Amino acid sequence: MRRYELMLVLRPDLADDKSQALVDRITRQITTGGGQIVKVAPWGRRRLAYPIDRHREGSYHIIHFEAPADSIVELERSLLITEESLRHLITRVERPIKASRRSDSPDSLGEDEDHLLPGEDEEYDEPRGELIDESESEAAPAAID
């Protein structure tokens, strides 16, 4: 299962109990689709950057969840036809990279490469700037003489 984040902007004229019922319905849909809710965070009412359906404010809710990729299509479809929702955005969240630990045990020899970002190397930090070959640095004083 992959981890996702759903940002939901609901109409501001929606009653609190109806907006909570809508969030509960969405979380039930995620769990029935084989997902698991990690966190639900209501952000409250906030001013929109531009008017949406003549509304200047919206009620924001953030839902962090894990779900199979095929259930996201059904969730997206149901959010598109929900009249109480002004906007929504489902994004895939990358899991944080764990700090690598060096160990002399043979079991952990190949594990550190999986946790490094592209271009990172623990053993060698390449100096920034132009590299000069040793033979070039010795030739320069001879040319001055």
Protein backbone atom coordinates (compact mmCIF):
# COMPACT_ATOMS: atom_id res chain seq x y z
CA MET A 1 0.00 0.00 0.00
CA ARG A 2 1.08 3.52 -0.70
CA ARG A 3 0.73 6.57 1.51
CA TYR A 4 -1.45 9.46 0.29
CA GLU A 5 -2.62 12.85 1.46
CA LEU A 6 -6.05 14.24 0.63
CA MET A 7 -6.64 17.97 0.96
CA LEU A 8 -10.32 18.72 0.90
CA VAL A 9 -11.88 22.19 0.64
CA LEU A 10 -15.56 22.19 1.57
CA ARG A 11 -18.17 24.89 1.11
CA PRO A 12 -18.14 27.40 3.98
CA ASP A 13 -21.94 27.49 4.31
CA LEU A 14 -21.98 23.78 5.17
CA ALA A 15 -22.96 23.03 8.78
CA ASP A 16 -20.25 21.52 11.00
CA ASP A 17 -22.14 18.26 11.46
CA LYS A 18 -22.63 17.88 7.70
CA SER A 19 -18.97 18.57 6.97
CA GLN A 20 -17.97 16.03 9.64
CA ALA A 21 -20.40 13.52 8.12
CA LEU A 22 -18.80 14.06 4.70
CA VAL A 23 -15.30 13.51 6.13
CA ASP A 24 -16.56 10.36 7.89
CA ARG A 25 -18.07 9.10 4.63
CA ILE A 26 -14.76 9.64 2.81
CA THR A 27 -12.77 7.86 5.53
CA ARG A 28 -15.24 4.94 5.43
CA GLN A 29 -14.83 4.75 1.66
CA ILE A 30 -11.04 4.60 2.08
CA THR A 31 -11.24 1.80 4.67
CA THR A 32 -13.76 -0.24 2.68
CA GLY A 33 -11.46 0.04 -0.35
CA GLY A 34 -8.71 -1.70 1.61
CA GLY A 35 -7.00 1.41 2.98
CA GLN A 36 -6.07 2.57 6.43
CA ILE A 37 -6.51 6.06 7.89
CA VAL A 38 -3.34 7.49 9.43
CA LYS A 39 -4.50 10.95 10.48
CA VAL A 40 -7.44 13.31 9.97
CA ALA A 41 -6.73 16.98 10.63
CA PRO A 42 -9.39 19.68 10.26
CA TRP A 43 -7.72 23.00 9.46
CA GLY A 44 -10.87 25.09 9.83
CA ARG A 45 -12.07 27.96 7.69
CA ARG A 46 -9.54 29.83 5.60
CA ARG A 47 -9.74 32.51 2.96
CA LEU A 48 -9.36 31.25 -0.61
CA ALA A 49 -6.84 32.77 -2.99
CA TYR A 50 -9.60 33.30 -5.56
CA PRO A 51 -13.39 32.88 -5.52
CA ILE A 52 -14.74 29.39 -6.22
CA ASP A 53 -18.48 29.20 -6.99
CA ARG A 54 -18.87 32.69 -5.48
CA HIS A 55 -17.31 31.55 -2.18
CA ARG A 56 -14.38 33.51 -0.72
CA GLU A 57 -13.71 31.05 2.14
CA GLY A 58 -13.51 27.30 2.48
CA SER A 59 -13.37 24.70 5.22
CA TYR A 60 -10.11 22.77 4.91
CA HIS A 61 -9.54 19.15 5.95
CA ILE A 62 -6.39 17.05 5.53
CA ILE A 63 -6.59 13.25 5.53
CA HIS A 64 -3.42 11.13 5.58
CA PHE A 65 -4.04 7.51 4.60
CA GLU A 66 -2.55 4.38 3.11
CA ALA A 67 -4.41 2.64 0.33
CA PRO A 68 -3.90 0.45 -2.73
CA ALA A 69 -3.45 2.41 -5.94
CA ASP A 70 -6.62 1.07 -7.60
CA SER A 71 -8.88 2.40 -4.80
CA ILE A 72 -7.70 5.97 -5.44
CA VAL A 73 -9.52 6.08 -8.78
CA GLU A 74 -12.86 5.30 -7.08
CA LEU A 75 -12.19 7.88 -4.35
CA GLU A 76 -11.36 10.53 -6.96
CA ARG A 77 -14.55 9.76 -8.86
CA SER A 78 -16.73 10.11 -5.76
CA LEU A 79 -15.07 13.40 -4.77
CA LEU A 80 -15.70 14.85 -8.23
CA ILE A 81 -19.47 14.36 -7.92
CA THR A 82 -19.72 15.54 -4.30
CA GLU A 83 -21.51 18.89 -4.29
CA GLU A 84 -20.25 19.92 -0.84
CA SER A 85 -16.64 19.84 -2.03
CA LEU A 86 -15.21 22.95 -3.67
CA ARG A 87 -11.80 21.44 -4.42
CA HIS A 88 -9.77 18.37 -3.55
CA LEU A 89 -6.25 17.17 -4.20
CA ILE A 90 -4.89 13.68 -3.64
CA THR A 91 -1.10 13.46 -3.59
CA ARG A 92 1.19 10.53 -3.05
CA VAL A 93 3.48 11.05 -0.06
CA GLU A 94 6.96 9.59 -0.16
CA ARG A 95 8.02 7.96 3.07
CA PRO A 96 10.93 9.66 4.83
CA ILE A 97 14.36 8.20 4.20
CA LYS A 98 15.80 6.55 7.29
CA ALA A 99 19.26 7.52 8.43
CA SER A 100 21.72 4.89 7.35
CA ARG A 101 23.74 3.04 9.98
CA ARG A 102 27.09 1.43 9.34
CA SER A 103 27.64 -2.00 10.82
CA ASP A 104 30.34 -4.58 10.38
CA SER A 105 27.84 -7.42 10.21
CA PRO A 106 27.59 -9.10 6.78
CA ASP A 107 23.78 -8.77 6.86
CA SER A 108 23.90 -4.98 6.61
CA LEU A 109 26.53 -4.57 3.89
CA GLY A 110 24.16 -3.86 0.97
CA GLU A 111 21.42 -2.06 2.87
CA ASP A 112 22.90 1.44 3.07
CA GLU A 113 22.76 2.07 -0.67
CA ASP A 114 18.97 1.80 -0.60
CA HIS A 115 18.64 4.69 1.83
CA LEU A 116 20.94 7.15 0.09
CA LEU A 117 19.59 9.86 -2.15
CA PRO A 118 20.81 9.94 -5.74
CA GLY A 119 24.26 11.50 -5.87
CA GLU A 120 24.97 10.86 -2.18
CA ASP A 121 27.95 8.80 -1.11
CA GLU A 122 28.87 8.40 2.54
CA GLU A 123 32.49 7.40 2.06
CA TYR A 124 33.60 10.10 -0.38
CA ASP A 125 32.53 13.71 -0.47
CA GLU A 126 33.58 15.13 -3.82
CA PRO A 127 35.00 18.64 -3.47
CA ARG A 128 33.13 21.39 -5.23
CA GLY A 129 34.75 23.15 -8.15
CA GLU A 130 37.28 22.05 -10.75
CA LEU A 131 39.53 19.10 -9.97
CA ILE A 132 43.20 19.41 -10.96
CA ASP A 133 45.20 16.34 -11.86
CA GLU A 134 48.44 15.87 -9.88
CA SER A 135 50.56 15.87 -13.05
CA GLU A 136 49.16 19.27 -14.05
CA SER A 137 50.06 20.90 -10.72
CA GLU A 138 53.67 19.69 -10.93
CA ALA A 139 54.05 20.90 -14.52
CA ALA A 140 53.06 24.45 -13.71
CA PRO A 141 56.17 25.40 -11.68
CA ALA A 142 58.43 23.90 -14.33
CA ALA A 143 56.83 26.10 -16.97
CA ILE A 144 57.55 29.23 -14.93
CA ASP A 145 61.30 28.50 -14.66
